[in-house]
């Protein structure tokens, strides 16, 4: 395939964005793309809360702080990718230790 390289997250976000029944996978894919590969390795989204915020688990406090600081930009990118206003913000928590 020639042209611009695209991540798997970008392809999935595009595929799910237009499907109302696939809101959760679309948000997860768009969030991974919005974060970029480095941050996405240290965070995982767990679902949309009733108030419109996305629950995100971070591996450490340092990553949680970065996610919190970047929350407005990440939400803007996810909403732009989905073509509609879905995310109202992020609820960032520390992931339980394994």
PDB file of N, CA and C in Angstrom:
ATOM      1  N   UNK A   1       0.841  -1.170   0.000  1.00  0.00           N
ATOM      2  CA  UNK A   1       0.000   0.000   0.000  1.00  0.00           C
ATOM      3  C   UNK A   1       0.887   1.234   0.000  1.00  0.00           C
ATOM      4  N   UNK A   2       0.661   2.097  -0.925  1.00  0.00           N
ATOM      5  CA  UNK A   2       1.448   3.314  -1.017  1.00  0.00           C
ATOM      6  C   UNK A   2       0.719   4.463  -0.356  1.00  0.00           C
ATOM      7  N   UNK A   3       1.495   5.472  -0.025  1.00  0.00           N
ATOM      8  CA  UNK A   3       0.898   6.645   0.592  1.00  0.00           C
ATOM      9  C   UNK A   3       1.307   6.775   2.043  1.00  0.00           C
ATOM     10  N   UNK A   4       0.535   7.497   2.748  1.00  0.00           N
ATOM     11  CA  UNK A   4       0.840   7.792   4.139  1.00  0.00           C
ATOM     12  C   UNK A   4       0.656   6.551   5.003  1.00  0.00           C
ATOM     13  N   UNK A   5       1.627   6.337   5.893  1.00  0.00           N
ATOM     14  CA  UNK A   5       1.532   5.209   6.814  1.00  0.00           C
ATOM     15  C   UNK A   5       0.524   5.528   7.896  1.00  0.00           C
ATOM     16  N   UNK A   6      -0.246   4.523   8.275  1.00  0.00           N
ATOM     17  CA  UNK A   6      -1.263   4.698   9.308  1.00  0.00           C
ATOM     18  C   UNK A   6      -1.106   3.620  10.360  1.00  0.00           C
ATOM     19  N   UNK A   7      -1.360   4.002  11.588  1.00  0.00           N
ATOM     20  CA  UNK A   7      -1.293   3.035  12.675  1.00  0.00           C
ATOM     21  C   UNK A   7      -2.547   2.176  12.663  1.00  0.00           C
ATOM     22  N   UNK A   8      -2.467   1.046  13.339  1.00  0.00           N
ATOM     23  CA  UNK A   8      -3.639   0.182  13.476  1.00  0.00           C
ATOM     24  C   UNK A   8      -4.741   0.938  14.205  1.00  0.00           C
ATOM     25  N   UNK A   9      -4.353   1.717  15.216  1.00  0.00           N
ATOM     26  CA  UNK A   9      -5.345   2.498  15.964  1.00  0.00           C
ATOM     27  C   UNK A   9      -6.092   3.462  15.047  1.00  0.00           C
ATOM     28  N   UNK A  10      -5.392   4.087  14.122  1.00  0.00           N
ATOM     29  CA  UNK A  10      -6.036   5.022  13.203  1.00  0.00           C
ATOM     30  C   UNK A  10      -7.018   4.303  12.284  1.00  0.00           C
ATOM     31  N   UNK A  11      -6.624   3.160  11.784  1.00  0.00           N
ATOM     32  CA  UNK A  11      -7.504   2.390  10.901  1.00  0.00           C
ATOM     33  C   UNK A  11      -8.750   1.929  11.659  1.00  0.00           C
ATOM     34  N   UNK A  12      -8.559   1.431  12.880  1.00  0.00           N
ATOM     35  CA  UNK A  12      -9.702   0.987  13.680  1.00  0.00           C
ATOM     36  C   UNK A  12     -10.616   2.152  14.048  1.00  0.00           C
ATOM     37  N   UNK A  13     -10.032   3.277  14.413  1.00  0.00           N
ATOM     38  CA  UNK A  13     -10.853   4.447  14.753  1.00  0.00           C
ATOM     39  C   UNK A  13     -11.715   4.858  13.571  1.00  0.00           C
ATOM     40  N   UNK A  14     -11.154   4.869  12.389  1.00  0.00           N
ATOM     41  CA  UNK A  14     -11.922   5.208  11.191  1.00  0.00           C
ATOM     42  C   UNK A  14     -13.033   4.188  10.937  1.00  0.00           C
ATOM     43  N   UNK A  15     -12.703   2.916  11.091  1.00  0.00           N
ATOM     44  CA  UNK A  15     -13.670   1.857  10.816  1.00  0.00           C
ATOM     45  C   UNK A  15     -14.848   1.900  11.783  1.00  0.00           C
ATOM     46  N   UNK A  16     -14.584   2.187  13.047  1.00  0.00           N
ATOM     47  CA  UNK A  16     -15.638   2.182  14.054  1.00  0.00           C
ATOM     48  C   UNK A  16     -16.364   3.508  14.200  1.00  0.00           C
ATOM     49  N   UNK A  17     -15.779   4.598  13.761  1.00  0.00           N
ATOM     50  CA  UNK A  17     -16.335   5.938  14.009  1.00  0.00           C
ATOM     51  C   UNK A  17     -17.759   6.103  13.490  1.00  0.00           C
ATOM     52  N   UNK A  18     -18.065   5.503  12.379  1.00  0.00           N
ATOM     53  CA  UNK A  18     -19.385   5.703  11.778  1.00  0.00           C
ATOM     54  C   UNK A  18     -20.408   4.671  12.236  1.00  0.00           C
ATOM     55  N   UNK A  19     -20.025   3.804  13.153  1.00  0.00           N
ATOM     56  CA  UNK A  19     -20.935   2.753  13.600  1.00  0.00           C
ATOM     57  C   UNK A  19     -21.410   3.042  15.027  1.00  0.00           C
ATOM     58  N   UNK A  20     -22.656   3.456  15.200  1.00  0.00           N
ATOM     59  CA  UNK A  20     -23.163   3.800  16.532  1.00  0.00           C
ATOM     60  C   UNK A  20     -23.050   2.655  17.536  1.00  0.00           C
ATOM     61  N   UNK A  21     -23.170   1.425  17.075  1.00  0.00           N
ATOM     62  CA  UNK A  21     -23.101   0.279  17.989  1.00  0.00           C
ATOM     63  C   UNK A  21     -21.680  -0.024  18.437  1.00  0.00           C
ATOM     64  N   UNK A  22     -20.706   0.640  17.854  1.00  0.00           N
ATOM     65  CA  UNK A  22     -19.295   0.382  18.169  1.00  0.00           C
ATOM     66  C   UNK A  22     -18.642   1.575  18.852  1.00  0.00           C
ATOM     67  N   UNK A  23     -19.371   2.241  19.725  1.00  0.00           N
ATOM     68  CA  UNK A  23     -18.838   3.439  20.377  1.00  0.00           C
ATOM     69  C   UNK A  23     -17.610   3.115  21.220  1.00  0.00           C
ATOM     70  N   UNK A  24     -17.675   2.083  22.047  1.00  0.00           N
ATOM     71  CA  UNK A  24     -16.542   1.757  22.924  1.00  0.00           C
ATOM     72  C   UNK A  24     -15.272   1.410  22.160  1.00  0.00           C
ATOM     73  N   UNK A  25     -15.335   0.520  21.161  1.00  0.00           N
ATOM     74  CA  UNK A  25     -14.116   0.250  20.398  1.00  0.00           C
ATOM     75  C   UNK A  25     -13.610   1.471  19.643  1.00  0.00           C
ATOM     76  N   UNK A  26     -14.522   2.305  19.167  1.00  0.00           N
ATOM     77  CA  UNK A  26     -14.115   3.513  18.440  1.00  0.00           C
ATOM     78  C   UNK A  26     -13.378   4.460  19.372  1.00  0.00           C
ATOM     79  N   UNK A  27     -13.884   4.631  20.582  1.00  0.00           N
ATOM     80  CA  UNK A  27     -13.230   5.509  21.556  1.00  0.00           C
ATOM     81  C   UNK A  27     -11.861   4.952  21.928  1.00  0.00           C
ATOM     82  N   UNK A  28     -11.791   3.645  22.170  1.00  0.00           N
ATOM     83  CA  UNK A  28     -10.509   3.028  22.541  1.00  0.00           C
ATOM     84  C   UNK A  28      -9.472   3.200  21.447  1.00  0.00           C
ATOM     85  N   UNK A  29      -9.861   2.988  20.206  1.00  0.00           N
ATOM     86  CA  UNK A  29      -8.927   3.128  19.094  1.00  0.00           C
ATOM     87  C   UNK A  29      -8.518   4.588  18.906  1.00  0.00           C
ATOM     88  N   UNK A  30      -9.491   5.488  18.989  1.00  0.00           N
ATOM     89  CA  UNK A  30      -9.186   6.918  18.832  1.00  0.00           C
ATOM     90  C   UNK A  30      -8.311   7.418  19.976  1.00  0.00           C
ATOM     91  N   UNK A  31      -8.537   6.910  21.189  1.00  0.00           N
ATOM     92  CA  UNK A  31      -7.721   7.298  22.336  1.00  0.00           C
ATOM     93  C   UNK A  31      -6.279   6.826  22.155  1.00  0.00           C
ATOM     94  N   UNK A  32      -6.090   5.586  21.718  1.00  0.00           N
ATOM     95  CA  UNK A  32      -4.735   5.068  21.485  1.00  0.00           C
ATOM     96  C   UNK A  32      -4.011   5.897  20.434  1.00  0.00           C
ATOM     97  N   UNK A  33      -4.732   6.278  19.395  1.00  0.00           N
ATOM     98  CA  UNK A  33      -4.120   7.104  18.359  1.00  0.00           C
ATOM     99  C   UNK A  33      -3.797   8.502  18.888  1.00  0.00           C
ATOM    100  N   UNK A  34      -4.707   9.077  19.674  1.00  0.00           N
ATOM    101  CA  UNK A  34      -4.507  10.429  20.209  1.00  0.00           C
ATOM    102  C   UNK A  34      -3.317  10.478  21.159  1.00  0.00           C
ATOM    103  N   UNK A  35      -3.127   9.416  21.927  1.00  0.00           N
ATOM    104  CA  UNK A  35      -2.020   9.365  22.898  1.00  0.00           C
ATOM    105  C   UNK A  35      -0.661   9.246  22.232  1.00  0.00           C
ATOM    106  N   UNK A  36      -0.620   8.538  21.128  1.00  0.00           N
ATOM    107  CA  UNK A  36       0.664   8.207  20.528  1.00  0.00           C
ATOM    108  C   UNK A  36       1.185   6.912  21.141  1.00  0.00           C
ATOM    109  N   UNK A  37       2.108   6.290  20.478  1.00  0.00           N
ATOM    110  CA  UNK A  37       2.552   4.963  20.892  1.00  0.00           C
ATOM    111  C   UNK A  37       3.221   4.943  22.259  1.00  0.00           C
ATOM    112  N   UNK A  38       3.983   5.959  22.588  1.00  0.00           N
ATOM    113  CA  UNK A  38       4.697   5.974  23.872  1.00  0.00           C
ATOM    114  C   UNK A  38       3.735   6.032  25.053  1.00  0.00           C
ATOM    115  N   UNK A  39       2.836   6.980  25.034  1.00  0.00           N
ATOM    116  CA  UNK A  39       1.889   7.131  26.136  1.00  0.00           C
ATOM    117  C   UNK A  39       0.879   5.991  26.158  1.00  0.00           C
ATOM    118  N   UNK A  40       0.457   5.524  24.997  1.00  0.00           N
ATOM    119  CA  UNK A  40      -0.535   4.452  24.923  1.00  0.00           C
ATOM    120  C   UNK A  40      -0.029   3.157  25.559  1.00  0.00           C
ATOM    121  N   UNK A  41       1.287   2.956  25.581  1.00  0.00           N
ATOM    122  CA  UNK A  41       1.835   1.752  26.212  1.00  0.00           C
ATOM    123  C   UNK A  41       1.705   1.783  27.730  1.00  0.00           C
ATOM    124  N   UNK A  42       1.505   2.960  28.292  1.00  0.00           N
ATOM    125  CA  UNK A  42       1.458   3.114  29.745  1.00  0.00           C
ATOM    126  C   UNK A  42       0.070   3.486  30.255  1.00  0.00           C
ATOM    127  N   UNK A  43      -0.908   3.463  29.377  1.00  0.00           N
ATOM    128  CA  UNK A  43      -2.276   3.811  29.768  1.00  0.00           C
ATOM    129  C   UNK A  43      -3.259   2.911  29.031  1.00  0.00           C
ATOM    130  N   UNK A  44      -4.373   2.651  29.669  1.00  0.00           N
ATOM    131  CA  UNK A  44      -5.418   1.889  28.989  1.00  0.00           C
ATOM    132  C   UNK A  44      -6.774   2.477  29.357  1.00  0.00           C
ATOM    133  N   UNK A  45      -7.624   2.599  28.351  1.00  0.00           N
ATOM    134  CA  UNK A  45      -8.952   3.132  28.633  1.00  0.00           C
ATOM    135  C   UNK A  45      -9.861   1.964  29.004  1.00  0.00           C
ATOM    136  N   UNK A  46     -10.732   2.230  29.953  1.00  0.00           N
ATOM    137  CA  UNK A  46     -11.605   1.183  30.484  1.00  0.00           C
ATOM    138  C   UNK A  46     -13.071   1.395  30.164  1.00  0.00           C
ATOM    139  N   UNK A  47     -13.414   2.523  29.614  1.00  0.00           N
ATOM    140  CA  UNK A  47     -14.802   2.727  29.230  1.00  0.00           C
ATOM    141  C   UNK A  47     -15.279   4.135  29.534  1.00  0.00           C
ATOM    142  N   UNK A  48     -16.424   4.432  29.003  1.00  0.00           N
ATOM    143  CA  UNK A  48     -17.030   5.745  29.142  1.00  0.00           C
ATOM    144  C   UNK A  48     -17.885   5.752  30.400  1.00  0.00           C
ATOM    145  N   UNK A  49     -17.670   6.735  31.261  1.00  0.00           N
ATOM    146  CA  UNK A  49     -18.468   6.882  32.475  1.00  0.00           C
ATOM    147  C   UNK A  49     -19.770   7.596  32.154  1.00  0.00           C
ATOM    148  N   UNK A  50     -20.725   7.535  33.064  1.00  0.00           N
ATOM    149  CA  UNK A  50     -22.047   8.124  32.831  1.00  0.00           C
ATOM    150  C   UNK A  50     -22.000   9.626  32.569  1.00  0.00           C
ATOM    151  N   UNK A  51     -20.993  10.299  33.138  1.00  0.00           N
ATOM    152  CA  UNK A  51     -20.901  11.752  32.951  1.00  0.00           C
ATOM    153  C   UNK A  51     -20.151  12.152  31.684  1.00  0.00           C
ATOM    154  N   UNK A  52     -19.794  11.168  30.851  1.00  0.00           N
ATOM    155  CA  UNK A  52     -19.141  11.464  29.584  1.00  0.00           C
ATOM    156  C   UNK A  52     -17.619  11.489  29.642  1.00  0.00           C
ATOM    157  N   UNK A  53     -17.054  11.195  30.812  1.00  0.00           N
ATOM    158  CA  UNK A  53     -15.602  11.122  30.923  1.00  0.00           C
ATOM    159  C   UNK A  53     -15.142   9.697  30.631  1.00  0.00           C
ATOM    160  N   UNK A  54     -13.934   9.585  30.122  1.00  0.00           N
ATOM    161  CA  UNK A  54     -13.334   8.293  29.815  1.00  0.00           C
ATOM    162  C   UNK A  54     -12.475   7.862  30.992  1.00  0.00           C
ATOM    163  N   UNK A  55     -12.715   6.658  31.506  1.00  0.00           N
ATOM    164  CA  UNK A  55     -11.900   6.111  32.584  1.00  0.00           C
ATOM    165  C   UNK A  55     -10.611   5.562  31.987  1.00  0.00           C
ATOM    166  N   UNK A  56      -9.483   6.084  32.462  1.00  0.00           N
ATOM    167  CA  UNK A  56      -8.176   5.686  31.958  1.00  0.00           C
ATOM    168  C   UNK A  56      -7.316   5.245  33.133  1.00  0.00           C
ATOM    169  N   UNK A  57      -6.677   4.092  33.000  1.00  0.00           N
ATOM    170  CA  UNK A  57      -5.763   3.591  34.025  1.00  0.00           C
ATOM    171  C   UNK A  57      -4.331   3.813  33.561  1.00  0.00           C
ATOM    172  N   UNK A  58      -3.520   4.359  34.456  1.00  0.00           N
ATOM    173  CA  UNK A  58      -2.112   4.635  34.154  1.00  0.00           C
ATOM    174  C   UNK A  58      -1.231   3.706  34.981  1.00  0.00           C
ATOM    175  N   UNK A  59      -0.076   3.342  34.432  1.00  0.00           N
ATOM    176  CA  UNK A  59       0.838   2.420  35.111  1.00  0.00           C
ATOM    177  C   UNK A  59       1.543   3.023  36.317  1.00  0.00           C
ATOM    178  N   UNK A  60       1.729   4.332  36.325  1.00  0.00           N
ATOM    179  CA  UNK A  60       2.424   4.979  37.439  1.00  0.00           C
ATOM    180  C   UNK A  60       1.851   6.377  37.635  1.00  0.00           C
ATOM    181  N   UNK A  61       2.225   6.965  38.754  1.00  0.00           N
ATOM    182  CA  UNK A  61       1.754   8.325  39.038  1.00  0.00           C
ATOM    183  C   UNK A  61       2.297   9.318  38.011  1.00  0.00           C
ATOM    184  N   UNK A  62       3.523   9.097  37.568  1.00  0.00           N
ATOM    185  CA  UNK A  62       4.112   9.996  36.561  1.00  0.00           C
ATOM    186  C   UNK A  62       3.298   9.968  35.268  1.00  0.00           C
ATOM    187  N   UNK A  63       2.896   8.786  34.821  1.00  0.00           N
ATOM    188  CA  UNK A  63       2.086   8.685  33.601  1.00  0.00           C
ATOM    189  C   UNK A  63       0.688   9.246  33.844  1.00  0.00           C
ATOM    190  N   UNK A  64       0.152   9.039  35.041  1.00  0.00           N
ATOM    191  CA  UNK A  64      -1.161   9.601  35.372  1.00  0.00           C
ATOM    192  C   UNK A  64      -1.120  11.126  35.313  1.00  0.00           C
ATOM    193  N   UNK A  65      -0.035  11.704  35.816  1.00  0.00           N
ATOM    194  CA  UNK A  65       0.118  13.159  35.772  1.00  0.00           C
ATOM    195  C   UNK A  65       0.180  13.665  34.328  1.00  0.00           C
ATOM    196  N   UNK A  66       0.902  12.937  33.476  1.00  0.00           N
ATOM    197  CA  UNK A  66       0.992  13.341  32.061  1.00  0.00           C
ATOM    198  C   UNK A  66      -0.369  13.250  31.378  1.00  0.00           C
ATOM    199  N   UNK A  67      -1.098  12.185  31.677  1.00  0.00           N
ATOM    200  CA  UNK A  67      -2.433  12.029  31.091  1.00  0.00           C
ATOM    201  C   UNK A  67      -3.371  13.138  31.551  1.00  0.00           C
ATOM    202  N   UNK A  68      -3.317  13.455  32.831  1.00  0.00           N
ATOM    203  CA  UNK A  68      -4.177  14.519  33.359  1.00  0.00           C
ATOM    204  C   UNK A  68      -3.847  15.860  32.717  1.00  0.00           C
ATOM    205  N   UNK A  69      -2.567  16.134  32.555  1.00  0.00           N
ATOM    206  CA  UNK A  69      -2.153  17.392  31.940  1.00  0.00           C
ATOM    207  C   UNK A  69      -2.576  17.474  30.471  1.00  0.00           C
ATOM    208  N   UNK A  70      -2.558  16.344  29.797  1.00  0.00           N
ATOM    209  CA  UNK A  70      -2.882  16.310  28.371  1.00  0.00           C
ATOM    210  C   UNK A  70      -4.361  16.044  28.106  1.00  0.00           C
ATOM    211  N   UNK A  71      -5.175  15.899  29.142  1.00  0.00           N
ATOM    212  CA  UNK A  71      -6.581  15.516  28.983  1.00  0.00           C
ATOM    213  C   UNK A  71      -7.357  16.392  27.995  1.00  0.00           C
ATOM    214  N   UNK A  72      -7.295  17.720  28.090  1.00  0.00           N
ATOM    215  CA  UNK A  72      -8.073  18.521  27.125  1.00  0.00           C
ATOM    216  C   UNK A  72      -7.671  18.257  25.668  1.00  0.00           C
ATOM    217  N   UNK A  73      -6.375  18.163  25.428  1.00  0.00           N
ATOM    218  CA  UNK A  73      -5.906  17.900  24.063  1.00  0.00           C
ATOM    219  C   UNK A  73      -6.309  16.506  23.598  1.00  0.00           C
ATOM    220  N   UNK A  74      -6.177  15.506  24.466  1.00  0.00           N
ATOM    221  CA  UNK A  74      -6.551  14.141  24.102  1.00  0.00           C
ATOM    222  C   UNK A  74      -8.037  14.041  23.784  1.00  0.00           C
ATOM    223  N   UNK A  75      -8.868  14.673  24.598  1.00  0.00           N
ATOM    224  CA  UNK A  75     -10.315  14.658  24.348  1.00  0.00           C
ATOM    225  C   UNK A  75     -10.645  15.346  23.023  1.00  0.00           C
ATOM    226  N   UNK A  76      -9.979  16.463  22.769  1.00  0.00           N
ATOM    227  CA  UNK A  76     -10.196  17.172  21.506  1.00  0.00           C
ATOM    228  C   UNK A  76      -9.831  16.277  20.320  1.00  0.00           C
ATOM    229  N   UNK A  77      -8.707  15.582  20.411  1.00  0.00           N
ATOM    230  CA  UNK A  77      -8.278  14.695  19.319  1.00  0.00           C
ATOM    231  C   UNK A  77      -9.237  13.526  19.128  1.00  0.00           C
ATOM    232  N   UNK A  78      -9.688  12.926  20.226  1.00  0.00           N
ATOM    233  CA  UNK A  78     -10.628  11.795  20.124  1.00  0.00           C
ATOM    234  C   UNK A  78     -11.934  12.268  19.502  1.00  0.00           C
ATOM    235  N   UNK A  79     -12.470  13.373  19.983  1.00  0.00           N
ATOM    236  CA  UNK A  79     -13.721  13.889  19.427  1.00  0.00           C
ATOM    237  C   UNK A  79     -13.581  14.237  17.948  1.00  0.00           C
ATOM    238  N   UNK A  80     -12.452  14.801  17.571  1.00  0.00           N
ATOM    239  CA  UNK A  80     -12.220  15.133  16.160  1.00  0.00           C
ATOM    240  C   UNK A  80     -12.150  13.867  15.314  1.00  0.00           C
ATOM    241  N   UNK A  81     -11.489  12.849  15.815  1.00  0.00           N
ATOM    242  CA  UNK A  81     -11.359  11.586  15.076  1.00  0.00           C
ATOM    243  C   UNK A  81     -12.726  10.937  14.883  1.00  0.00           C
ATOM    244  N   UNK A  82     -13.576  11.010  15.928  1.00  0.00           N
ATOM    245  CA  UNK A  82     -14.898  10.381  15.855  1.00  0.00           C
ATOM    246  C   UNK A  82     -15.908  11.233  15.089  1.00  0.00           C
ATOM    247  N   UNK A  83     -15.588  12.507  14.896  1.00  0.00           N
ATOM    248  CA  UNK A  83     -16.486  13.377  14.152  1.00  0.00           C
ATOM    249  C   UNK A  83     -17.689  13.848  14.946  1.00  0.00           C
ATOM    250  N   UNK A  84     -17.636  13.669  16.247  1.00  0.00           N
ATOM    251  CA  UNK A  84     -18.719  14.134  17.116  1.00  0.00           C
ATOM    252  C   UNK A  84     -18.186  14.308  18.529  1.00  0.00           C
ATOM    253  N   UNK A  85     -18.902  15.068  19.340  1.00  0.00           N
ATOM    254  CA  UNK A  85     -18.465  15.340  20.705  1.00  0.00           C
ATOM    255  C   UNK A  85     -18.918  14.192  21.609  1.00  0.00           C
ATOM    256  N   UNK A  86     -17.994  13.305  21.938  1.00  0.00           N
ATOM    257  CA  UNK A  86     -18.295  12.132  22.756  1.00  0.00           C
ATOM    258  C   UNK A  86     -17.686  12.272  24.147  1.00  0.00           C
ATOM    259  N   UNK A  87     -16.418  12.655  24.210  1.00  0.00           N
ATOM    260  CA  UNK A  87     -15.710  12.744  25.488  1.00  0.00           C
ATOM    261  C   UNK A  87     -15.836  14.124  26.109  1.00  0.00           C
ATOM    262  N   UNK A  88     -16.146  14.128  27.412  1.00  0.00           N
ATOM    263  CA  UNK A  88     -16.225  15.371  28.176  1.00  0.00           C
ATOM    264  C   UNK A  88     -14.952  15.596  28.983  1.00  0.00           C
ATOM    265  N   UNK A  89     -14.149  14.573  29.132  1.00  0.00           N
ATOM    266  CA  UNK A  89     -12.923  14.656  29.916  1.00  0.00           C
ATOM    267  C   UNK A  89     -12.388  13.271  30.222  1.00  0.00           C
ATOM    268  N   UNK A  90     -11.335  13.229  31.023  1.00  0.00           N
ATOM    269  CA  UNK A  90     -10.738  11.966  31.431  1.00  0.00           C
ATOM    270  C   UNK A  90     -10.820  11.813  32.943  1.00  0.00           C
ATOM    271  N   UNK A  91     -11.035  10.603  33.392  1.00  0.00           N
ATOM    272  CA  UNK A  91     -10.916  10.230  34.797  1.00  0.00           C
ATOM    273  C   UNK A  91      -9.694   9.322  34.856  1.00  0.00           C
ATOM    274  N   UNK A  92      -8.586   9.867  35.338  1.00  0.00           N
ATOM    275  CA  UNK A  92      -7.321   9.126  35.338  1.00  0.00           C
ATOM    276  C   UNK A  92      -7.102   8.522  36.717  1.00  0.00           C
ATOM    277  N   UNK A  93      -6.861   7.226  36.739  1.00  0.00           N
ATOM    278  CA  UNK A  93      -6.586   6.506  37.990  1.00  0.00           C
ATOM    279  C   UNK A  93      -5.351   5.649  37.798  1.00  0.00           C
ATOM    280  N   UNK A  94      -4.735   5.276  38.896  1.00  0.00           N
ATOM    281  CA  UNK A  94      -3.597   4.353  38.839  1.00  0.00           C
ATOM    282  C   UNK A  94      -4.107   2.937  38.648  1.00  0.00           C
ATOM    283  N   UNK A  95      -3.453   2.204  37.770  1.00  0.00           N
ATOM    284  CA  UNK A  95      -3.797   0.807  37.567  1.00  0.00           C
ATOM    285  C   UNK A  95      -3.397   0.000  38.784  1.00  0.00           C
ATOM    286  N   UNK A  96      -4.166  -1.003  39.150  1.00  0.00           N
ATOM    287  CA  UNK A  96      -3.763  -1.840  40.275  1.00  0.00           C
ATOM    288  C   UNK A  96      -2.460  -2.571  39.950  1.00  0.00           C
ATOM    289  N   UNK A  97      -1.658  -2.741  40.959  1.00  0.00           N
ATOM    290  CA  UNK A  97      -0.392  -3.451  40.746  1.00  0.00           C
ATOM    291  C   UNK A  97      -0.677  -4.922  40.487  1.00  0.00           C
ATOM    292  N   UNK A  98       0.149  -5.501  39.631  1.00  0.00           N
ATOM    293  CA  UNK A  98      -0.040  -6.911  39.270  1.00  0.00           C
ATOM    294  C   UNK A  98       0.623  -7.812  40.245  1.00  0.00           C
TER     295      UNK A  98
END
